[in-house]
Amino acid sequence: MARKRSDVKKSVFLFNTAAYLNISSTTYDAKVTNLEF
């Protein structure tokens, strides 16, 4: 049971990290695009 719970935490952590990186890169792309124009 405890092992399953830690697996879920790990999955959520990885998902949040991926989402954060995705948002960061999207924001960065938008800033670069705005600077170019």
PDB file of N, CA and C in Angstrom:
ATOM      1  N   MET A   1       0.838  -1.208   0.000  1.00  0.00           N
ATOM      2  CA  MET A   1       0.000   0.000   0.000  1.00  0.00           C
ATOM      3  C   MET A   1       0.873   1.259   0.000  1.00  0.00           C
ATOM      4  N   ALA A   2       1.848   1.268   0.916  1.00  0.00           N
ATOM      5  CA  ALA A   2       2.724   2.443   0.987  1.00  0.00           C
ATOM      6  C   ALA A   2       3.498   2.598  -0.313  1.00  0.00           C
ATOM      7  N   ARG A   3       3.882   1.456  -0.877  1.00  0.00           N
ATOM      8  CA  ARG A   3       4.647   1.506  -2.117  1.00  0.00           C
ATOM      9  C   ARG A   3       3.793   2.102  -3.232  1.00  0.00           C
ATOM     10  N   LYS A   4       2.540   1.689  -3.293  1.00  0.00           N
ATOM     11  CA  LYS A   4       1.640   2.225  -4.323  1.00  0.00           C
ATOM     12  C   LYS A   4       1.500   3.735  -4.163  1.00  0.00           C
ATOM     13  N   ARG A   5       1.362   4.175  -2.921  1.00  0.00           N
ATOM     14  CA  ARG A   5       1.175   5.599  -2.668  1.00  0.00           C
ATOM     15  C   ARG A   5       2.391   6.392  -3.143  1.00  0.00           C
ATOM     16  N   SER A   6       3.594   5.871  -2.884  1.00  0.00           N
ATOM     17  CA  SER A   6       4.802   6.580  -3.319  1.00  0.00           C
ATOM     18  C   SER A   6       4.888   6.582  -4.840  1.00  0.00           C
ATOM     19  N   ASP A   7       4.419   5.506  -5.480  1.00  0.00           N
ATOM     20  CA  ASP A   7       4.413   5.469  -6.946  1.00  0.00           C
ATOM     21  C   ASP A   7       3.495   6.561  -7.488  1.00  0.00           C
ATOM     22  N   VAL A   8       2.361   6.731  -6.851  1.00  0.00           N
ATOM     23  CA  VAL A   8       1.422   7.769  -7.291  1.00  0.00           C
ATOM     24  C   VAL A   8       2.057   9.140  -7.105  1.00  0.00           C
ATOM     25  N   LYS A   9       2.703   9.335  -5.963  1.00  0.00           N
ATOM     26  CA  LYS A   9       3.372  10.619  -5.712  1.00  0.00           C
ATOM     27  C   LYS A   9       4.425  10.873  -6.774  1.00  0.00           C
ATOM     28  N   LYS A  10       5.171   9.823  -7.126  1.00  0.00           N
ATOM     29  CA  LYS A  10       6.225   9.961  -8.129  1.00  0.00           C
ATOM     30  C   LYS A  10       5.616  10.347  -9.469  1.00  0.00           C
ATOM     31  N   SER A  11       4.511   9.705  -9.824  1.00  0.00           N
ATOM     32  CA  SER A  11       3.855   9.997 -11.101  1.00  0.00           C
ATOM     33  C   SER A  11       3.355  11.436 -11.121  1.00  0.00           C
ATOM     34  N   VAL A  12       2.753  11.861 -10.030  1.00  0.00           N
ATOM     35  CA  VAL A  12       2.242  13.232  -9.951  1.00  0.00           C
ATOM     36  C   VAL A  12       3.395  14.214 -10.046  1.00  0.00           C
ATOM     37  N   PHE A  13       4.503  13.900  -9.368  1.00  0.00           N
ATOM     38  CA  PHE A  13       5.667  14.788  -9.408  1.00  0.00           C
ATOM     39  C   PHE A  13       6.202  14.904 -10.826  1.00  0.00           C
ATOM     40  N   LEU A  14       6.325  13.764 -11.515  1.00  0.00           N
ATOM     41  CA  LEU A  14       6.824  13.778 -12.890  1.00  0.00           C
ATOM     42  C   LEU A  14       5.866  14.541 -13.797  1.00  0.00           C
ATOM     43  N   PHE A  15       4.567  14.325 -13.582  1.00  0.00           N
ATOM     44  CA  PHE A  15       3.571  15.020 -14.403  1.00  0.00           C
ATOM     45  C   PHE A  15       3.659  16.529 -14.188  1.00  0.00           C
ATOM     46  N   ASN A  16       3.764  16.945 -12.919  1.00  0.00           N
ATOM     47  CA  ASN A  16       3.859  18.377 -12.611  1.00  0.00           C
ATOM     48  C   ASN A  16       5.127  18.970 -13.196  1.00  0.00           C
ATOM     49  N   THR A  17       6.228  18.213 -13.119  1.00  0.00           N
ATOM     50  CA  THR A  17       7.494  18.704 -13.666  1.00  0.00           C
ATOM     51  C   THR A  17       7.379  18.880 -15.171  1.00  0.00           C
ATOM     52  N   ALA A  18       6.794  17.888 -15.843  1.00  0.00           N
ATOM     53  CA  ALA A  18       6.638  17.961 -17.296  1.00  0.00           C
ATOM     54  C   ALA A  18       5.738  19.136 -17.667  1.00  0.00           C
ATOM     55  N   ALA A  19       4.653  19.318 -16.927  1.00  0.00           N
ATOM     56  CA  ALA A  19       3.733  20.422 -17.208  1.00  0.00           C
ATOM     57  C   ALA A  19       4.438  21.756 -16.990  1.00  0.00           C
ATOM     58  N   TYR A  20       5.230  21.848 -15.915  1.00  0.00           N
ATOM     59  CA  TYR A  20       5.947  23.097 -15.629  1.00  0.00           C
ATOM     60  C   TYR A  20       6.948  23.405 -16.735  1.00  0.00           C
ATOM     61  N   LEU A  21       7.702  22.400 -17.162  1.00  0.00           N
ATOM     62  CA  LEU A  21       8.679  22.608 -18.227  1.00  0.00           C
ATOM     63  C   LEU A  21       7.973  22.990 -19.521  1.00  0.00           C
ATOM     64  N   ASN A  22       6.839  22.354 -19.790  1.00  0.00           N
ATOM     65  CA  ASN A  22       6.080  22.649 -21.004  1.00  0.00           C
ATOM     66  C   ASN A  22       5.604  24.100 -20.990  1.00  0.00           C
ATOM     67  N   ILE A  23       5.062  24.539 -19.855  1.00  0.00           N
ATOM     68  CA  ILE A  23       4.578  25.914 -19.728  1.00  0.00           C
ATOM     69  C   ILE A  23       5.747  26.890 -19.853  1.00  0.00           C
ATOM     70  N   SER A  24       6.882  26.549 -19.220  1.00  0.00           N
ATOM     71  CA  SER A  24       8.045  27.430 -19.266  1.00  0.00           C
ATOM     72  C   SER A  24       8.546  27.592 -20.691  1.00  0.00           C
ATOM     73  N   SER A  25       8.654  26.499 -21.417  1.00  0.00           N
ATOM     74  CA  SER A  25       9.163  26.575 -22.787  1.00  0.00           C
ATOM     75  C   SER A  25       8.181  27.330 -23.676  1.00  0.00           C
ATOM     76  N   THR A  26       6.887  27.152 -23.437  1.00  0.00           N
ATOM     77  CA  THR A  26       5.881  27.872 -24.229  1.00  0.00           C
ATOM     78  C   THR A  26       5.984  29.370 -23.957  1.00  0.00           C
ATOM     79  N   THR A  27       6.127  29.732 -22.692  1.00  0.00           N
ATOM     80  CA  THR A  27       6.264  31.142 -22.330  1.00  0.00           C
ATOM     81  C   THR A  27       7.527  31.714 -22.943  1.00  0.00           C
ATOM     82  N   TYR A  28       8.600  30.943 -22.910  1.00  0.00           N
ATOM     83  CA  TYR A  28       9.878  31.390 -23.477  1.00  0.00           C
ATOM     84  C   TYR A  28       9.732  31.618 -24.978  1.00  0.00           C
ATOM     85  N   ASP A  29       9.091  30.676 -25.661  1.00  0.00           N
ATOM     86  CA  ASP A  29       8.875  30.819 -27.103  1.00  0.00           C
ATOM     87  C   ASP A  29       8.064  32.081 -27.395  1.00  0.00           C
ATOM     88  N   ALA A  30       7.056  32.342 -26.587  1.00  0.00           N
ATOM     89  CA  ALA A  30       6.221  33.524 -26.803  1.00  0.00           C
ATOM     90  C   ALA A  30       7.047  34.792 -26.619  1.00  0.00           C
ATOM     91  N   LYS A  31       7.911  34.813 -25.599  1.00  0.00           N
ATOM     92  CA  LYS A  31       8.748  35.992 -25.361  1.00  0.00           C
ATOM     93  C   LYS A  31       9.700  36.203 -26.523  1.00  0.00           C
ATOM     94  N   VAL A  32      10.328  35.143 -26.988  1.00  0.00           N
ATOM     95  CA  VAL A  32      11.275  35.247 -28.104  1.00  0.00           C
ATOM     96  C   VAL A  32      10.545  35.741 -29.351  1.00  0.00           C
ATOM     97  N   THR A  33       9.347  35.206 -29.591  1.00  0.00           N
ATOM     98  CA  THR A  33       8.568  35.623 -30.763  1.00  0.00           C
ATOM     99  C   THR A  33       8.222  37.108 -30.667  1.00  0.00           C
ATOM    100  N   ASN A  34       7.844  37.559 -29.472  1.00  0.00           N
ATOM    101  CA  ASN A  34       7.501  38.972 -29.298  1.00  0.00           C
ATOM    102  C   ASN A  34       8.720  39.855 -29.519  1.00  0.00           C
ATOM    103  N   LEU A  35       9.894  39.396 -29.096  1.00  0.00           N
ATOM    104  CA  LEU A  35      11.111  40.192 -29.272  1.00  0.00           C
ATOM    105  C   LEU A  35      11.470  40.301 -30.747  1.00  0.00           C
ATOM    106  N   GLU A  36      11.203  39.239 -31.501  1.00  0.00           N
ATOM    107  CA  GLU A  36      11.558  39.249 -32.918  1.00  0.00           C
ATOM    108  C   GLU A  36      10.693  40.239 -33.698  1.00  0.00           C
ATOM    109  N   PHE A  37       9.431  40.399 -33.278  1.00  0.00           N
ATOM    110  CA  PHE A  37       8.534  41.324 -33.973  1.00  0.00           C
ATOM    111  C   PHE A  37       8.408  42.649 -33.236  1.00  0.00           C
TER     112      PHE A  37
END
